[in-house]
Protein backbone atom coordinates (compact mmCIF):
# COMPACT_ATOMS: atom_id res chain seq x y z
CA MET A 1 5.17 18.21 -29.88
CA SER A 2 5.20 15.12 -27.59
CA LYS A 3 3.54 15.05 -24.19
CA LYS A 4 5.17 13.28 -21.15
CA HIS A 5 1.52 12.13 -20.01
CA MET A 6 -1.51 11.57 -21.69
CA GLY A 7 -5.11 11.70 -20.42
CA SER A 8 -5.58 11.92 -16.42
CA SER A 9 -3.93 10.24 -13.64
CA ILE A 10 -4.90 7.06 -11.98
CA ASP A 11 -5.93 9.26 -8.90
CA ASP A 12 -8.28 11.25 -11.19
CA PHE A 13 -9.59 8.16 -12.56
CA LEU A 14 -10.32 6.44 -8.89
CA LYS A 15 -11.75 9.85 -7.76
CA GLU A 16 -14.15 9.90 -10.68
CA GLU A 17 -14.92 6.13 -9.92
CA ARG A 18 -15.30 7.10 -6.14
CA VAL A 19 -12.99 4.54 -4.73
CA PHE A 20 -10.03 6.88 -4.32
CA GLU A 21 -9.98 6.72 -0.54
CA LYS A 22 -10.71 3.06 -0.54
CA ALA A 23 -7.52 2.26 -2.61
CA GLN A 24 -5.35 4.77 -0.68
CA ASN A 25 -6.24 3.05 2.50
CA GLN A 26 -5.63 -0.32 1.32
CA ALA A 27 -2.12 0.69 -0.07
CA ILE A 28 -1.24 2.00 2.79
CA LYS A 29 -2.24 -1.14 4.47
CA GLU A 30 -0.25 -3.40 2.25
CA VAL A 31 2.69 -1.01 2.73
CA VAL A 32 2.83 -1.14 6.74
CA ALA A 33 2.27 -5.06 6.37
CA TRP A 34 5.44 -5.08 4.15
CA GLN A 35 7.28 -2.94 6.17
CA LEU A 36 6.43 -4.93 9.40
CA ALA A 37 7.23 -8.26 7.34
CA GLN A 38 10.78 -7.02 6.35
CA ALA A 39 11.42 -5.84 9.87
CA MET A 40 10.51 -9.20 11.41
CA LYS A 41 12.89 -10.92 8.70
CA GLU A 42 15.75 -8.46 9.74
CA LYS A 43 15.08 -9.40 13.39
CA ARG A 44 14.70 -12.79 12.60
CA PHE A 45 11.37 -12.59 14.60
CA ARG A 46 8.76 -15.36 13.89
CA ARG A 47 4.87 -14.79 14.23
CA THR A 48 4.68 -18.31 16.45
CA ALA A 49 7.33 -16.59 18.86
CA TRP A 50 4.58 -14.07 19.74
CA ARG A 51 1.29 -14.96 21.41
CA PRO A 52 -0.93 -12.25 22.70
CA CYS A 53 -2.30 -12.53 26.33
């Protein structure tokens, strides 16, 4: 009899270490930053072209 998954999940581990929310928030930030970079490439938008007031 073989099990597909052995032991606990990474989520369970992070929760045990009390860093689940912090890791999840960081992952979300990285995904949003990646998506923004992809959209900027697609639109040929450069960071230097945008200057805040």
